[in-house]
């Protein structure tokens, strides 16, 4: 049973190693395609979630036929992260030499136009982030104000009920004091009258 567990563990490790190799190879192709991705182990680590120290020690045989432009790597050929990154850097240098800068109608190069638009986008995103922060502050203040209003309203209602209760007690006490005097006066006023007859 222990041997079966060990073999199963090794099989899983081998499968994981192959899956990560495929991920790395796909990232390399993306780097060939998108110059904005940095040709570094840190960038590969960010995209694959593999630690850069682990990437530096990886050696394997290509899991697929890889090609981009004039660069090719046949399936099964030995490779490493460093070799693949060197291939990306070499490809990019060749592409820069062969590719003439594209200009816009205003005579501005496409690269400078992209840089300008990127800067504008960055400023817009920063501005939107500031607006979102201020909006959240306003919402928080409204919540605090609403909470304070609810507390004040509850306190006001409680005070009114207490005052009404106290007033009712005073009224009842007054009525109790007044009633005996009213009854006494009524008895004197409405009691039997003495009739006087001539003798």
C-alpha atoms as a PDB file:
ATOM      1  CA  UNK A   1       0.000   0.000   0.000  1.00  0.00           C
ATOM      2  CA  UNK A   2       2.851   2.393   0.820  1.00  0.00           C
ATOM      3  CA  UNK A   3       4.383   1.717  -2.608  1.00  0.00           C
ATOM      4  CA  UNK A   4       1.030   2.452  -4.289  1.00  0.00           C
ATOM      5  CA  UNK A   5       0.814   5.761  -2.434  1.00  0.00           C
ATOM      6  CA  UNK A   6       4.350   6.649  -3.396  1.00  0.00           C
ATOM      7  CA  UNK A   7       3.748   5.819  -7.059  1.00  0.00           C
ATOM      8  CA  UNK A   8       0.505   7.813  -7.002  1.00  0.00           C
ATOM      9  CA  UNK A   9       2.318  10.805  -5.523  1.00  0.00           C
ATOM     10  CA  UNK A  10       5.017  10.595  -8.179  1.00  0.00           C
ATOM     11  CA  UNK A  11       2.380  10.328 -10.907  1.00  0.00           C
ATOM     12  CA  UNK A  12       0.647  13.447  -9.623  1.00  0.00           C
ATOM     13  CA  UNK A  13       3.961  15.299  -9.454  1.00  0.00           C
ATOM     14  CA  UNK A  14       4.749  14.306 -13.023  1.00  0.00           C
ATOM     15  CA  UNK A  15       1.322  15.417 -14.184  1.00  0.00           C
ATOM     16  CA  UNK A  16       1.633  18.747 -12.376  1.00  0.00           C
ATOM     17  CA  UNK A  17       5.111  19.267 -13.829  1.00  0.00           C
ATOM     18  CA  UNK A  18       3.787  18.703 -17.352  1.00  0.00           C
ATOM     19  CA  UNK A  19       0.817  21.022 -16.806  1.00  0.00           C
ATOM     20  CA  UNK A  20       3.091  23.783 -15.559  1.00  0.00           C
ATOM     21  CA  UNK A  21       5.398  23.210 -18.522  1.00  0.00           C
ATOM     22  CA  UNK A  22       2.445  23.767 -20.866  1.00  0.00           C
ATOM     23  CA  UNK A  23       1.595  26.971 -18.975  1.00  0.00           C
ATOM     24  CA  UNK A  24       5.138  28.270 -19.307  1.00  0.00           C
ATOM     25  CA  UNK A  25       5.256  27.476 -23.022  1.00  0.00           C
ATOM     26  CA  UNK A  26       1.950  29.278 -23.595  1.00  0.00           C
ATOM     27  CA  UNK A  27       3.198  32.317 -21.700  1.00  0.00           C
ATOM     28  CA  UNK A  28       6.327  32.369 -23.870  1.00  0.00           C
ATOM     29  CA  UNK A  29       4.123  32.456 -26.976  1.00  0.00           C
ATOM     30  CA  UNK A  30       2.152  35.336 -25.450  1.00  0.00           C
ATOM     31  CA  UNK A  31       5.421  37.184 -24.829  1.00  0.00           C
ATOM     32  CA  UNK A  32       6.323  36.726 -28.474  1.00  0.00           C
ATOM     33  CA  UNK A  33       2.959  38.189 -29.416  1.00  0.00           C
ATOM     34  CA  UNK A  34       2.693  41.009 -26.852  1.00  0.00           C
ATOM     35  CA  UNK A  35       5.829  43.128 -26.285  1.00  0.00           C
ATOM     36  CA  UNK A  36       4.123  44.767 -23.277  1.00  0.00           C
ATOM     37  CA  UNK A  37       4.806  41.574 -21.306  1.00  0.00           C
ATOM     38  CA  UNK A  38       8.259  41.686 -19.744  1.00  0.00           C
ATOM     39  CA  UNK A  39      10.574  38.870 -20.793  1.00  0.00           C
ATOM     40  CA  UNK A  40      11.523  37.962 -17.232  1.00  0.00           C
ATOM     41  CA  UNK A  41      11.103  35.046 -14.821  1.00  0.00           C
ATOM     42  CA  UNK A  42       9.141  37.359 -12.522  1.00  0.00           C
ATOM     43  CA  UNK A  43       6.596  37.989 -15.289  1.00  0.00           C
ATOM     44  CA  UNK A  44       6.255  34.271 -15.988  1.00  0.00           C
ATOM     45  CA  UNK A  45       5.840  33.697 -12.258  1.00  0.00           C
ATOM     46  CA  UNK A  46       3.122  36.343 -12.092  1.00  0.00           C
ATOM     47  CA  UNK A  47       1.188  34.777 -14.953  1.00  0.00           C
ATOM     48  CA  UNK A  48       1.650  31.118 -13.943  1.00  0.00           C
ATOM     49  CA  UNK A  49       1.805  31.492 -10.127  1.00  0.00           C
ATOM     50  CA  UNK A  50       5.136  29.598 -10.142  1.00  0.00           C
ATOM     51  CA  UNK A  51       7.869  30.972  -7.879  1.00  0.00           C
ATOM     52  CA  UNK A  52      10.749  32.579  -9.849  1.00  0.00           C
ATOM     53  CA  UNK A  53      13.310  30.477  -7.950  1.00  0.00           C
ATOM     54  CA  UNK A  54      11.525  27.339  -9.146  1.00  0.00           C
ATOM     55  CA  UNK A  55      11.433  28.664 -12.707  1.00  0.00           C
ATOM     56  CA  UNK A  56      15.194  29.266 -12.689  1.00  0.00           C
ATOM     57  CA  UNK A  57      15.823  25.546 -12.083  1.00  0.00           C
ATOM     58  CA  UNK A  58      13.293  24.119 -14.534  1.00  0.00           C
ATOM     59  CA  UNK A  59      14.502  21.982 -17.429  1.00  0.00           C
ATOM     60  CA  UNK A  60      12.136  19.884 -19.527  1.00  0.00           C
ATOM     61  CA  UNK A  61      11.337  18.662 -23.006  1.00  0.00           C
ATOM     62  CA  UNK A  62       8.883  20.759 -24.954  1.00  0.00           C
ATOM     63  CA  UNK A  63       5.340  19.407 -24.625  1.00  0.00           C
ATOM     64  CA  UNK A  64       4.266  20.792 -28.014  1.00  0.00           C
ATOM     65  CA  UNK A  65       5.541  22.174 -31.281  1.00  0.00           C
ATOM     66  CA  UNK A  66       6.169  25.867 -30.650  1.00  0.00           C
ATOM     67  CA  UNK A  67       6.623  28.490 -33.330  1.00  0.00           C
ATOM     68  CA  UNK A  68       6.190  32.212 -33.737  1.00  0.00           C
ATOM     69  CA  UNK A  69       7.490  34.076 -36.750  1.00  0.00           C
ATOM     70  CA  UNK A  70      10.852  32.532 -37.616  1.00  0.00           C
ATOM     71  CA  UNK A  71      11.318  31.013 -34.138  1.00  0.00           C
ATOM     72  CA  UNK A  72      10.564  27.327 -33.727  1.00  0.00           C
ATOM     73  CA  UNK A  73      10.915  24.678 -31.039  1.00  0.00           C
ATOM     74  CA  UNK A  74       9.906  21.124 -31.881  1.00  0.00           C
ATOM     75  CA  UNK A  75       7.991  18.959 -29.443  1.00  0.00           C
ATOM     76  CA  UNK A  76      10.315  16.859 -27.306  1.00  0.00           C
ATOM     77  CA  UNK A  77      13.334  19.128 -27.636  1.00  0.00           C
ATOM     78  CA  UNK A  78      15.075  19.950 -24.335  1.00  0.00           C
ATOM     79  CA  UNK A  79      14.570  23.485 -23.137  1.00  0.00           C
ATOM     80  CA  UNK A  80      14.553  25.704 -20.055  1.00  0.00           C
ATOM     81  CA  UNK A  81      13.013  28.965 -18.900  1.00  0.00           C
ATOM     82  CA  UNK A  82      16.257  30.857 -19.541  1.00  0.00           C
ATOM     83  CA  UNK A  83      16.512  29.511 -23.104  1.00  0.00           C
ATOM     84  CA  UNK A  84      12.897  30.423 -23.844  1.00  0.00           C
ATOM     85  CA  UNK A  85      13.331  33.935 -22.452  1.00  0.00           C
ATOM     86  CA  UNK A  86      16.467  34.374 -24.559  1.00  0.00           C
ATOM     87  CA  UNK A  87      14.423  33.327 -27.588  1.00  0.00           C
ATOM     88  CA  UNK A  88      11.776  35.948 -26.763  1.00  0.00           C
ATOM     89  CA  UNK A  89      14.404  38.698 -26.380  1.00  0.00           C
ATOM     90  CA  UNK A  90      16.122  37.667 -29.611  1.00  0.00           C
ATOM     91  CA  UNK A  91      12.807  37.621 -31.477  1.00  0.00           C
ATOM     92  CA  UNK A  92      11.900  41.064 -30.212  1.00  0.00           C
ATOM     93  CA  UNK A  93      15.247  42.538 -31.269  1.00  0.00           C
ATOM     94  CA  UNK A  94      14.805  41.105 -34.758  1.00  0.00           C
ATOM     95  CA  UNK A  95      11.226  42.382 -34.951  1.00  0.00           C
ATOM     96  CA  UNK A  96      12.331  45.894 -33.983  1.00  0.00           C
ATOM     97  CA  UNK A  97      14.992  45.907 -36.680  1.00  0.00           C
ATOM     98  CA  UNK A  98      12.577  44.712 -39.370  1.00  0.00           C
ATOM     99  CA  UNK A  99       9.557  46.776 -38.395  1.00  0.00           C
ATOM    100  CA  UNK A 100       9.548  50.406 -39.523  1.00  0.00           C
ATOM    101  CA  UNK A 101       7.722  52.773 -37.214  1.00  0.00           C
ATOM    102  CA  UNK A 102       4.127  53.363 -38.287  1.00  0.00           C
ATOM    103  CA  UNK A 103       3.050  56.994 -38.333  1.00  0.00           C
ATOM    104  CA  UNK A 104      -0.397  58.516 -37.961  1.00  0.00           C
ATOM    105  CA  UNK A 105      -1.920  61.082 -40.304  1.00  0.00           C
ATOM    106  CA  UNK A 106      -0.508  63.819 -38.075  1.00  0.00           C
ATOM    107  CA  UNK A 107       2.990  62.381 -38.461  1.00  0.00           C
ATOM    108  CA  UNK A 108       3.091  60.924 -34.963  1.00  0.00           C
ATOM    109  CA  UNK A 109       4.616  57.461 -34.602  1.00  0.00           C
ATOM    110  CA  UNK A 110       2.319  54.683 -33.448  1.00  0.00           C
ATOM    111  CA  UNK A 111       4.553  53.984 -30.449  1.00  0.00           C
ATOM    112  CA  UNK A 112       4.403  57.595 -29.224  1.00  0.00           C
ATOM    113  CA  UNK A 113       0.660  57.646 -29.851  1.00  0.00           C
ATOM    114  CA  UNK A 114       0.237  54.474 -27.800  1.00  0.00           C
ATOM    115  CA  UNK A 115       2.352  55.995 -25.023  1.00  0.00           C
ATOM    116  CA  UNK A 116       0.224  59.147 -25.109  1.00  0.00           C
ATOM    117  CA  UNK A 117      -3.042  57.191 -24.970  1.00  0.00           C
ATOM    118  CA  UNK A 118      -1.672  54.962 -22.217  1.00  0.00           C
ATOM    119  CA  UNK A 119      -0.809  58.026 -20.165  1.00  0.00           C
ATOM    120  CA  UNK A 120      -4.292  59.476 -20.715  1.00  0.00           C
ATOM    121  CA  UNK A 121      -5.866  56.158 -19.718  1.00  0.00           C
ATOM    122  CA  UNK A 122      -3.716  56.031 -16.592  1.00  0.00           C
ATOM    123  CA  UNK A 123      -4.781  59.557 -15.603  1.00  0.00           C
ATOM    124  CA  UNK A 124      -8.440  58.719 -16.266  1.00  0.00           C
ATOM    125  CA  UNK A 125      -8.242  55.556 -14.170  1.00  0.00           C
ATOM    126  CA  UNK A 126      -6.567  57.488 -11.356  1.00  0.00           C
ATOM    127  CA  UNK A 127      -9.261  60.171 -11.547  1.00  0.00           C
ATOM    128  CA  UNK A 128     -12.020  57.548 -11.477  1.00  0.00           C
ATOM    129  CA  UNK A 129     -10.401  55.905  -8.468  1.00  0.00           C
ATOM    130  CA  UNK A 130     -10.389  59.238  -6.614  1.00  0.00           C
ATOM    131  CA  UNK A 131     -14.051  59.787  -7.487  1.00  0.00           C
ATOM    132  CA  UNK A 132     -14.903  56.308  -6.219  1.00  0.00           C
ATOM    133  CA  UNK A 133     -13.110  57.027  -2.930  1.00  0.00           C
ATOM    134  CA  UNK A 134     -14.938  60.347  -2.475  1.00  0.00           C
ATOM    135  CA  UNK A 135     -18.266  58.704  -3.336  1.00  0.00           C
ATOM    136  CA  UNK A 136     -17.646  56.036  -0.725  1.00  0.00           C
ATOM    137  CA  UNK A 137     -16.900  58.746   1.845  1.00  0.00           C
ATOM    138  CA  UNK A 138     -20.207  60.475   1.023  1.00  0.00           C
ATOM    139  CA  UNK A 139     -22.074  57.178   1.327  1.00  0.00           C
ATOM    140  CA  UNK A 140     -20.428  56.524   4.684  1.00  0.00           C
ATOM    141  CA  UNK A 141     -21.372  60.015   5.886  1.00  0.00           C
ATOM    142  CA  UNK A 142     -24.969  59.493   4.741  1.00  0.00           C
ATOM    143  CA  UNK A 143     -25.083  56.213   6.627  1.00  0.00           C
ATOM    144  CA  UNK A 144     -23.747  57.927   9.751  1.00  0.00           C
ATOM    145  CA  UNK A 145     -26.257  60.786   9.365  1.00  0.00           C
ATOM    146  CA  UNK A 146     -29.114  58.352   8.821  1.00  0.00           C
ATOM    147  CA  UNK A 147     -28.048  56.410  11.894  1.00  0.00           C
ATOM    148  CA  UNK A 148     -27.862  59.576  13.990  1.00  0.00           C
ATOM    149  CA  UNK A 149     -31.315  60.647  12.730  1.00  0.00           C
ATOM    150  CA  UNK A 150     -32.832  57.273  13.650  1.00  0.00           C
ATOM    151  CA  UNK A 151     -31.309  57.507  17.146  1.00  0.00           C
ATOM    152  CA  UNK A 152     -32.588  61.095  17.592  1.00  0.00           C
ATOM    153  CA  UNK A 153     -36.071  60.131  16.402  1.00  0.00           C
ATOM    154  CA  UNK A 154     -36.224  57.179  18.776  1.00  0.00           C
ATOM    155  CA  UNK A 155     -35.028  59.374  21.662  1.00  0.00           C
ATOM    156  CA  UNK A 156     -37.622  62.036  20.795  1.00  0.00           C
ATOM    157  CA  UNK A 157     -40.432  59.484  20.722  1.00  0.00           C
ATOM    158  CA  UNK A 158     -39.322  58.028  24.044  1.00  0.00           C
ATOM    159  CA  UNK A 159     -39.203  61.511  25.623  1.00  0.00           C
ATOM    160  CA  UNK A 160     -42.662  62.371  24.273  1.00  0.00           C
ATOM    161  CA  UNK A 161     -44.129  59.145  25.631  1.00  0.00           C
ATOM    162  CA  UNK A 162     -42.515  59.767  29.032  1.00  0.00           C
ATOM    163  CA  UNK A 163     -43.757  63.378  29.132  1.00  0.00           C
ATOM    164  CA  UNK A 164     -47.269  62.269  28.124  1.00  0.00           C
ATOM    165  CA  UNK A 165     -47.247  59.681  30.867  1.00  0.00           C
ATOM    166  CA  UNK A 166     -46.100  62.235  33.459  1.00  0.00           C
ATOM    167  CA  UNK A 167     -48.753  64.736  32.342  1.00  0.00           C
ATOM    168  CA  UNK A 168     -51.428  62.074  32.593  1.00  0.00           C
ATOM    169  CA  UNK A 169     -50.316  61.293  36.151  1.00  0.00           C
ATOM    170  CA  UNK A 170     -50.476  65.003  37.093  1.00  0.00           C
ATOM    171  CA  UNK A 171     -53.935  65.306  35.521  1.00  0.00           C
ATOM    172  CA  UNK A 172     -55.218  62.269  37.371  1.00  0.00           C
ATOM    173  CA  UNK A 173     -53.866  63.558  40.665  1.00  0.00           C
ATOM    174  CA  UNK A 174     -55.460  66.940  40.065  1.00  0.00           C
ATOM    175  CA  UNK A 175     -58.804  65.351  39.182  1.00  0.00           C
ATOM    176  CA  UNK A 176     -58.693  63.295  42.360  1.00  0.00           C
ATOM    177  CA  UNK A 177     -58.164  66.460  44.397  1.00  0.00           C
ATOM    178  CA  UNK A 178     -60.839  68.405  42.577  1.00  0.00           C
ATOM    179  CA  UNK A 179     -63.618  65.773  42.679  1.00  0.00           C
ATOM    180  CA  UNK A 180     -64.171  65.765  46.522  1.00  0.00           C
ATOM    181  CA  UNK A 181     -64.510  69.579  46.562  1.00  0.00           C
ATOM    182  CA  UNK A 182     -66.985  69.495  43.675  1.00  0.00           C
ATOM    183  CA  UNK A 183     -69.070  66.835  45.408  1.00  0.00           C
ATOM    184  CA  UNK A 184     -69.094  68.791  48.653  1.00  0.00           C
ATOM    185  CA  UNK A 185     -70.268  71.977  46.970  1.00  0.00           C
ATOM    186  CA  UNK A 186     -72.907  70.057  45.053  1.00  0.00           C
ATOM    187  CA  UNK A 187     -74.219  68.541  48.285  1.00  0.00           C
ATOM    188  CA  UNK A 188     -74.527  71.957  49.905  1.00  0.00           C
ATOM    189  CA  UNK A 189     -76.171  73.492  46.903  1.00  0.00           C
ATOM    190  CA  UNK A 190     -78.573  70.686  46.044  1.00  0.00           C
ATOM    191  CA  UNK A 191     -79.292  69.336  49.611  1.00  0.00           C
ATOM    192  CA  UNK A 192     -82.752  69.398  51.309  1.00  0.00           C
ATOM    193  CA  UNK A 193     -84.107  72.890  52.048  1.00  0.00           C
ATOM    194  CA  UNK A 194     -85.841  73.857  55.256  1.00  0.00           C
ATOM    195  CA  UNK A 195     -89.411  75.108  54.748  1.00  0.00           C
ATOM    196  CA  UNK A 196     -90.740  77.729  57.165  1.00  0.00           C
ATOM    197  CA  UNK A 197     -94.488  77.793  57.918  1.00  0.00           C
ATOM    198  CA  UNK A 198     -96.415  80.547  59.580  1.00  0.00           C
ATOM    199  CA  UNK A 199     -97.400  79.521  63.130  1.00  0.00           C
END
